[in-house]
């Protein structure tokens, strides 16, 4: 986990008290679903392009690395929760049951700085 990721978490905690990190399986490319609005389709295309360019560590290594960061950083314990999950857009209704909109905001990392978007 990079310094940028830690900065990302610290930035989130300025506005939210907890974060749920969803770790995607390797090569988790979204099924070609077409949504009614261009912004959603552009965003999903950007996500697919990003995933295809990255050579991710095996999922167990990524979960263990994040768990170690949390364990070694007491201010993250009890505030960062990890789940292995498919791409939310692959099954939106299942995602909505697990993470209801009333209780969760979705935050994406833009880059390795402290910039993020909702």
Foldseek 3Di string as FASTA:
>chain_A
DDPLVVLQVVLVVVPDQAEEDEAEAQLLQADPDDDPDPVVVVVSVVVNVVRVPDDDDGPVVVVVVVVVVCVVDVSRVPRYHYHHDHDCVNPVVVVCVVPPPVHDDDKDDPDSHNDIDD
